[in-house]
Every structure is written in structure tokens, then in C-alpha cells.
Amino acid sequence: MAGVDEVGRGALFGPVVAAAVILDPTRRIHGLDDSKKLTRTKRERLAEKIRLHALAWAVAEILPDRIDAWNIYQASRQAMARAVAQLTPTADYVLSDAVPLELSTPCRSLIEGDARSVSIAAASILAKVHRDALLEELDRQFPGYGLARHKGYATRYHLEQLRRQGPTPFHRRSFAPVRECLALLDAVEQNPLPF
């Protein structure tokens, strides 16, 4: 049985990331829980154990241009389906966190699945650790936005920097704050102020 979960759904910047995990029933990993309930240090330790001891695990990303083309819900579903498809060995059954999936493998979505299933919790941890590391790397490419700190979510600082610097290629243009910023920049270009 595989658990699958995604992170980054509500962010303004970066990909949505999903992970799928098939845990080894003979090698219990203590402390698995919803990634949002764990400290960064604990998540990273658990992610290392999951990668070492799981029967299979995989991570998939859907980039902002696809999120904008499909919408975040469909992008999240695609990321989860891709993560499941990468598992070797393949899963006989899939549990997802709240999002119904259409897979060739039998599957079931669980509300608050990351609190009810250790395999979904493991997937949430891998997805969160992967996305956080990616955002820290992108913070170096796009300095000034504070991406390593807020991980692309709509904090006051991020919104201020978005208005000040404009969006990057990794901002989700279909999300309202980014779309509004682009409209404002377009309006300024169309009607420049005389100096």
C-alpha cells in the first residue's frame, strides 16, 4: 500500500510537490506524523529514515506554468499521480490525503489522511522536505523575496517584494496577488508617468 500527499498548494511561488511512499511493514519508523506538526529538524531526520527504509518512494513536481495552465487542484492531482507512477515496486493500493485520484491502481482518499495513515504521513514529510530544499535553492537564484524563509507563501514580506520587484518566472501568474501585480506593471507600462 502506498501513501501519497502534496505540499505547496497555496503558495504563490514554485512547484507543487507530491511524494508517494510504500513503507516496509517489517521496519517501523517511529514519529511519523503530518509534516505540518513536526519541526524542521524532525522532518529532515524522518525523511532520511523514510528514504533509507521504505520499500519504495518517489517525488514529483508540477511547475508554475503547468499550474497556471491547469489550475492548482488539477496540478496537485497530476503531481500525486506522477509520484505514484514512479514507485518501484508499484503499489497494489493507494491512499491519498483528501484528494481523489483517478489511477489504474485501486485508491481511496482520506480526509486528514496525513493524521490517519502513516504512509500518507511519510509522503507528506518527503514532499515537504523536498519542496523546502528546492525553495532554499531558488532563494539563491531569486534573492530579495525571502523564499527560504516563507517558502513561497503569501506572507506580508513576500507580497511587498512582489510589488517592489515584480514576479519571477517561478511565480504562479494565475494566483490573484501575482496576477494583480502583473496587471499593475502592465498598466504602468501602458501609461508611464511623465517626469
C-alpha atoms as a PDB file:
ATOM      1  CA  MET A   1       0.000   0.000   0.000  1.00  0.00           C
ATOM      2  CA  ALA A   2       1.276   3.457  -0.909  1.00  0.00           C
ATOM      3  CA  GLY A   3       0.501   6.761   0.715  1.00  0.00           C
ATOM      4  CA  VAL A   4       0.598   9.945  -1.359  1.00  0.00           C
ATOM      5  CA  ASP A   5       0.421  13.610  -0.380  1.00  0.00           C
ATOM      6  CA  GLU A   6       1.313  17.017  -1.788  1.00  0.00           C
ATOM      7  CA  VAL A   7       2.666  20.327  -0.477  1.00  0.00           C
ATOM      8  CA  GLY A   8       2.812  23.856  -1.822  1.00  0.00           C
ATOM      9  CA  ARG A   9      -0.759  24.087  -2.998  1.00  0.00           C
ATOM     10  CA  GLY A  10      -1.393  27.550  -1.556  1.00  0.00           C
ATOM     11  CA  ALA A  11       1.993  29.085  -2.379  1.00  0.00           C
ATOM     12  CA  LEU A  12       2.421  31.935  -4.867  1.00  0.00           C
ATOM     13  CA  PHE A  13       5.836  30.710  -5.971  1.00  0.00           C
ATOM     14  CA  GLY A  14       7.383  27.443  -7.057  1.00  0.00           C
ATOM     15  CA  PRO A  15       6.093  23.996  -7.897  1.00  0.00           C
ATOM     16  CA  VAL A  16       3.520  21.888  -6.177  1.00  0.00           C
ATOM     17  CA  VAL A  17       5.365  18.789  -4.957  1.00  0.00           C
ATOM     18  CA  ALA A  18       3.945  15.344  -4.249  1.00  0.00           C
ATOM     19  CA  ALA A  19       5.543  12.270  -2.745  1.00  0.00           C
ATOM     20  CA  ALA A  20       4.428   8.657  -2.672  1.00  0.00           C
ATOM     21  CA  VAL A  21       5.739   6.103  -0.186  1.00  0.00           C
ATOM     22  CA  ILE A  22       5.387   2.358   0.335  1.00  0.00           C
ATOM     23  CA  LEU A  23       6.556   1.662   3.870  1.00  0.00           C
ATOM     24  CA  ASP A  24       8.182  -1.613   4.849  1.00  0.00           C
ATOM     25  CA  PRO A  25       5.863  -3.252   7.426  1.00  0.00           C
ATOM     26  CA  THR A  26       8.860  -5.012   8.991  1.00  0.00           C
ATOM     27  CA  ARG A  27      10.774  -1.747   9.585  1.00  0.00           C
ATOM     28  CA  ARG A  28       8.610   0.620  11.590  1.00  0.00           C
ATOM     29  CA  ILE A  29       9.640   4.282  11.552  1.00  0.00           C
ATOM     30  CA  HIS A  30       8.712   5.928  14.851  1.00  0.00           C
ATOM     31  CA  GLY A  31       7.443   9.516  14.949  1.00  0.00           C
ATOM     32  CA  LEU A  32       5.682   9.695  11.580  1.00  0.00           C
ATOM     33  CA  ASP A  33       3.035  12.415  11.613  1.00  0.00           C
ATOM     34  CA  ASP A  34       1.580  15.174   9.449  1.00  0.00           C
ATOM     35  CA  SER A  35       4.610  17.181   8.264  1.00  0.00           C
ATOM     36  CA  LYS A  36       2.998  20.443   9.442  1.00  0.00           C
ATOM     37  CA  LYS A  37       3.049  19.162  13.040  1.00  0.00           C
ATOM     38  CA  LEU A  38       6.785  18.393  13.024  1.00  0.00           C
ATOM     39  CA  THR A  39       9.790  20.648  13.476  1.00  0.00           C
ATOM     40  CA  ARG A  40      12.113  21.093  10.540  1.00  0.00           C
ATOM     41  CA  THR A  41      14.839  19.046  12.270  1.00  0.00           C
ATOM     42  CA  LYS A  42      12.458  16.174  12.987  1.00  0.00           C
ATOM     43  CA  ARG A  43      11.081  16.237   9.406  1.00  0.00           C
ATOM     44  CA  GLU A  44      14.582  16.053   7.960  1.00  0.00           C
ATOM     45  CA  ARG A  45      15.589  13.149  10.242  1.00  0.00           C
ATOM     46  CA  LEU A  46      12.406  11.281   9.400  1.00  0.00           C
ATOM     47  CA  ALA A  47      12.821  11.949   5.667  1.00  0.00           C
ATOM     48  CA  GLU A  48      16.259  10.361   5.799  1.00  0.00           C
ATOM     49  CA  LYS A  49      14.840   7.295   7.570  1.00  0.00           C
ATOM     50  CA  ILE A  50      11.969   7.052   5.090  1.00  0.00           C
ATOM     51  CA  ARG A  51      14.357   7.186   2.107  1.00  0.00           C
ATOM     52  CA  LEU A  52      16.555   4.508   3.721  1.00  0.00           C
ATOM     53  CA  HIS A  53      13.897   2.083   4.954  1.00  0.00           C
ATOM     54  CA  ALA A  54      10.822   2.417   2.715  1.00  0.00           C
ATOM     55  CA  LEU A  55      10.187  -0.286   0.154  1.00  0.00           C
ATOM     56  CA  ALA A  56       9.691   2.477  -2.433  1.00  0.00           C
ATOM     57  CA  TRP A  57       9.393   6.244  -2.558  1.00  0.00           C
ATOM     58  CA  ALA A  58       9.141   8.876  -5.271  1.00  0.00           C
ATOM     59  CA  VAL A  59       8.761  12.640  -5.585  1.00  0.00           C
ATOM     60  CA  ALA A  60       7.141  14.580  -8.440  1.00  0.00           C
ATOM     61  CA  GLU A  61       6.910  18.307  -9.179  1.00  0.00           C
ATOM     62  CA  ILE A  62       4.493  20.317 -11.289  1.00  0.00           C
ATOM     63  CA  LEU A  63       5.992  23.657 -12.273  1.00  0.00           C
ATOM     64  CA  PRO A  64       4.175  27.020 -12.143  1.00  0.00           C
ATOM     65  CA  ASP A  65       3.493  27.231 -15.893  1.00  0.00           C
ATOM     66  CA  ARG A  66       1.553  23.941 -15.689  1.00  0.00           C
ATOM     67  CA  ILE A  67      -0.210  25.086 -12.506  1.00  0.00           C
ATOM     68  CA  ASP A  68      -1.312  28.219 -14.366  1.00  0.00           C
ATOM     69  CA  ALA A  69      -2.464  26.185 -17.375  1.00  0.00           C
ATOM     70  CA  TRP A  70      -4.380  23.513 -15.440  1.00  0.00           C
ATOM     71  CA  ASN A  71      -5.296  25.131 -12.061  1.00  0.00           C
ATOM     72  CA  ILE A  72      -3.806  24.164  -8.712  1.00  0.00           C
ATOM     73  CA  TYR A  73      -6.262  21.358  -7.968  1.00  0.00           C
ATOM     74  CA  GLN A  74      -5.524  19.532 -11.231  1.00  0.00           C
ATOM     75  CA  ALA A  75      -1.797  20.212 -10.867  1.00  0.00           C
ATOM     76  CA  SER A  76      -1.874  18.691  -7.368  1.00  0.00           C
ATOM     77  CA  ARG A  77      -3.659  15.607  -8.688  1.00  0.00           C
ATOM     78  CA  GLN A  78      -1.152  15.273 -11.530  1.00  0.00           C
ATOM     79  CA  ALA A  79       1.805  15.567  -9.140  1.00  0.00           C
ATOM     80  CA  MET A  80       0.324  12.860  -6.926  1.00  0.00           C
ATOM     81  CA  ALA A  81      -0.391  10.568  -9.890  1.00  0.00           C
ATOM     82  CA  ARG A  82       3.157  11.056 -11.215  1.00  0.00           C
ATOM     83  CA  ALA A  83       4.685  10.247  -7.832  1.00  0.00           C
ATOM     84  CA  VAL A  84       2.633   7.037  -7.596  1.00  0.00           C
ATOM     85  CA  ALA A  85       3.563   6.084 -11.192  1.00  0.00           C
ATOM     86  CA  GLN A  86       7.294   6.345 -10.350  1.00  0.00           C
ATOM     87  CA  LEU A  87       7.146   3.815  -7.490  1.00  0.00           C
ATOM     88  CA  THR A  88       9.205   0.663  -7.923  1.00  0.00           C
ATOM     89  CA  PRO A  89       7.868  -1.751  -6.862  1.00  0.00           C
ATOM     90  CA  THR A  90       4.441  -0.492  -7.812  1.00  0.00           C
ATOM     91  CA  ALA A  91       1.629  -0.142  -5.300  1.00  0.00           C
ATOM     92  CA  ASP A  92      -1.313  -2.552  -5.088  1.00  0.00           C
ATOM     93  CA  TYR A  93      -3.432   0.077  -3.345  1.00  0.00           C
ATOM     94  CA  VAL A  94      -3.066   3.861  -2.858  1.00  0.00           C
ATOM     95  CA  LEU A  95      -4.242   6.130  -0.045  1.00  0.00           C
ATOM     96  CA  SER A  96      -4.245   9.869  -0.760  1.00  0.00           C
ATOM     97  CA  ASP A  97      -4.659  12.802   1.571  1.00  0.00           C
ATOM     98  CA  ALA A  98      -8.120  14.245   0.823  1.00  0.00           C
ATOM     99  CA  VAL A  99      -7.642  14.492  -2.960  1.00  0.00           C
ATOM    100  CA  PRO A 100      -9.491  11.845  -5.011  1.00  0.00           C
ATOM    101  CA  LEU A 101      -7.243  10.364  -7.690  1.00  0.00           C
ATOM    102  CA  GLU A 102      -8.018   8.536 -10.907  1.00  0.00           C
ATOM    103  CA  LEU A 103      -5.401   5.817 -11.147  1.00  0.00           C
ATOM    104  CA  SER A 104      -5.236   2.367 -12.701  1.00  0.00           C
ATOM    105  CA  THR A 105      -4.407   1.159  -9.172  1.00  0.00           C
ATOM    106  CA  PRO A 106      -7.283   0.984  -6.663  1.00  0.00           C
ATOM    107  CA  CYS A 107      -7.211   4.076  -4.469  1.00  0.00           C
ATOM    108  CA  ARG A 108      -9.048   5.892  -1.730  1.00  0.00           C
ATOM    109  CA  SER A 109      -8.828   9.453  -0.458  1.00  0.00           C
ATOM    110  CA  LEU A 110      -8.902  10.069   3.282  1.00  0.00           C
ATOM    111  CA  ILE A 111      -9.873  13.363   4.888  1.00  0.00           C
ATOM    112  CA  GLU A 112      -6.986  14.316   7.203  1.00  0.00           C
ATOM    113  CA  GLY A 113      -5.149  11.319   5.780  1.00  0.00           C
ATOM    114  CA  ASP A 114      -1.747  12.545   6.939  1.00  0.00           C
ATOM    115  CA  ALA A 115      -3.019  12.187  10.531  1.00  0.00           C
ATOM    116  CA  ARG A 116      -4.761   8.835   9.901  1.00  0.00           C
ATOM    117  CA  SER A 117      -2.246   6.915   7.779  1.00  0.00           C
ATOM    118  CA  VAL A 118       1.487   6.527   8.453  1.00  0.00           C
ATOM    119  CA  SER A 119       2.171   6.028   4.746  1.00  0.00           C
ATOM    120  CA  ILE A 120       0.447   9.337   3.891  1.00  0.00           C
ATOM    121  CA  ALA A 121       2.313  10.996   6.777  1.00  0.00           C
ATOM    122  CA  ALA A 122       5.600   9.655   5.363  1.00  0.00           C
ATOM    123  CA  ALA A 123       4.678  11.039   1.935  1.00  0.00           C
ATOM    124  CA  SER A 124       3.825  14.442   3.439  1.00  0.00           C
ATOM    125  CA  ILE A 125       7.245  14.536   5.131  1.00  0.00           C
ATOM    126  CA  LEU A 126       9.163  13.667   1.951  1.00  0.00           C
ATOM    127  CA  ALA A 127       7.205  16.186  -0.113  1.00  0.00           C
ATOM    128  CA  LYS A 128       7.707  18.984   2.444  1.00  0.00           C
ATOM    129  CA  VAL A 129      11.440  18.332   2.899  1.00  0.00           C
ATOM    130  CA  HIS A 130      11.935  18.180  -0.884  1.00  0.00           C
ATOM    131  CA  ARG A 131       9.999  21.408  -1.552  1.00  0.00           C
ATOM    132  CA  ASP A 132      11.688  23.292   1.311  1.00  0.00           C
ATOM    133  CA  ALA A 133      15.154  22.365  -0.039  1.00  0.00           C
ATOM    134  CA  LEU A 134      14.094  23.421  -3.527  1.00  0.00           C
ATOM    135  CA  LEU A 135      12.825  26.803  -2.257  1.00  0.00           C
ATOM    136  CA  GLU A 136      16.104  27.409  -0.423  1.00  0.00           C
ATOM    137  CA  GLU A 137      17.945  26.776  -3.690  1.00  0.00           C
ATOM    138  CA  LEU A 138      15.575  29.085  -5.606  1.00  0.00           C
ATOM    139  CA  ASP A 139      16.104  31.748  -2.925  1.00  0.00           C
ATOM    140  CA  ARG A 140      19.728  31.968  -4.083  1.00  0.00           C
ATOM    141  CA  GLN A 141      18.595  32.357  -7.715  1.00  0.00           C
ATOM    142  CA  PHE A 142      15.974  34.982  -6.855  1.00  0.00           C
ATOM    143  CA  PRO A 143      17.341  36.934  -3.874  1.00  0.00           C
ATOM    144  CA  GLY A 144      15.280  39.535  -2.093  1.00  0.00           C
ATOM    145  CA  TYR A 145      11.953  37.695  -1.993  1.00  0.00           C
ATOM    146  CA  GLY A 146      12.674  35.803   1.236  1.00  0.00           C
ATOM    147  CA  LEU A 147      11.806  32.442  -0.340  1.00  0.00           C
ATOM    148  CA  ALA A 148      13.970  30.401   2.051  1.00  0.00           C
ATOM    149  CA  ARG A 149      12.037  31.886   4.954  1.00  0.00           C
ATOM    150  CA  HIS A 150       8.394  31.760   3.783  1.00  0.00           C
ATOM    151  CA  LYS A 151       8.711  29.001   1.148  1.00  0.00           C
ATOM    152  CA  GLY A 152       6.762  30.964  -1.460  1.00  0.00           C
ATOM    153  CA  TYR A 153       3.617  31.546   0.569  1.00  0.00           C
ATOM    154  CA  ALA A 154       1.786  34.896   0.662  1.00  0.00           C
ATOM    155  CA  THR A 155       3.426  36.499   3.677  1.00  0.00           C
ATOM    156  CA  ARG A 156       3.407  40.280   4.076  1.00  0.00           C
ATOM    157  CA  TYR A 157       7.128  40.395   3.188  1.00  0.00           C
ATOM    158  CA  HIS A 158       6.652  38.265   0.063  1.00  0.00           C
ATOM    159  CA  LEU A 159       3.760  40.439  -1.130  1.00  0.00           C
ATOM    160  CA  GLU A 160       5.797  43.619  -0.527  1.00  0.00           C
ATOM    161  CA  GLN A 161       8.729  42.230  -2.503  1.00  0.00           C
ATOM    162  CA  LEU A 162       6.439  41.021  -5.262  1.00  0.00           C
ATOM    163  CA  ARG A 163       5.089  44.574  -5.626  1.00  0.00           C
ATOM    164  CA  ARG A 164       8.586  46.056  -5.413  1.00  0.00           C
ATOM    165  CA  GLN A 165      10.456  43.645  -7.715  1.00  0.00           C
ATOM    166  CA  GLY A 166       7.681  42.128  -9.804  1.00  0.00           C
ATOM    167  CA  PRO A 167       7.144  38.402 -10.352  1.00  0.00           C
ATOM    168  CA  THR A 168       9.843  35.917 -11.325  1.00  0.00           C
ATOM    169  CA  PRO A 169       9.380  33.085 -13.855  1.00  0.00           C
ATOM    170  CA  PHE A 170       8.584  30.808 -10.878  1.00  0.00           C
ATOM    171  CA  HIS A 171       5.649  32.867  -9.607  1.00  0.00           C
ATOM    172  CA  ARG A 172       2.200  31.440 -10.326  1.00  0.00           C
ATOM    173  CA  ARG A 173       0.698  34.016 -12.641  1.00  0.00           C
ATOM    174  CA  SER A 174      -2.866  32.731 -12.249  1.00  0.00           C
ATOM    175  CA  PHE A 175      -2.842  33.359  -8.476  1.00  0.00           C
ATOM    176  CA  ALA A 176      -4.573  36.629  -7.547  1.00  0.00           C
ATOM    177  CA  PRO A 177      -1.669  38.536  -5.875  1.00  0.00           C
ATOM    178  CA  VAL A 178       0.694  37.724  -8.758  1.00  0.00           C
ATOM    179  CA  ARG A 179      -1.975  38.436 -11.390  1.00  0.00           C
ATOM    180  CA  GLU A 180      -2.726  41.806  -9.742  1.00  0.00           C
ATOM    181  CA  CYS A 181       0.971  42.677  -9.675  1.00  0.00           C
ATOM    182  CA  LEU A 182       1.289  41.844 -13.378  1.00  0.00           C
ATOM    183  CA  ALA A 183      -1.790  43.960 -14.181  1.00  0.00           C
ATOM    184  CA  LEU A 184      -0.307  46.890 -12.279  1.00  0.00           C
ATOM    185  CA  LEU A 185       3.041  46.549 -14.087  1.00  0.00           C
ATOM    186  CA  ASP A 186       1.196  46.355 -17.416  1.00  0.00           C
ATOM    187  CA  ALA A 187      -0.820  49.482 -16.574  1.00  0.00           C
ATOM    188  CA  VAL A 188       2.379  51.392 -15.703  1.00  0.00           C
ATOM    189  CA  GLU A 189       3.973  50.307 -18.995  1.00  0.00           C
ATOM    190  CA  GLN A 190       0.880  51.417 -20.931  1.00  0.00           C
ATOM    191  CA  ASN A 191       0.655  54.783 -19.131  1.00  0.00           C
ATOM    192  CA  PRO A 192       4.105  55.846 -17.931  1.00  0.00           C
ATOM    193  CA  LEU A 193       4.231  58.852 -15.634  1.00  0.00           C
ATOM    194  CA  PRO A 194       5.838  61.959 -17.184  1.00  0.00           C
ATOM    195  CA  PHE A 195       8.999  63.163 -15.388  1.00  0.00           C
END
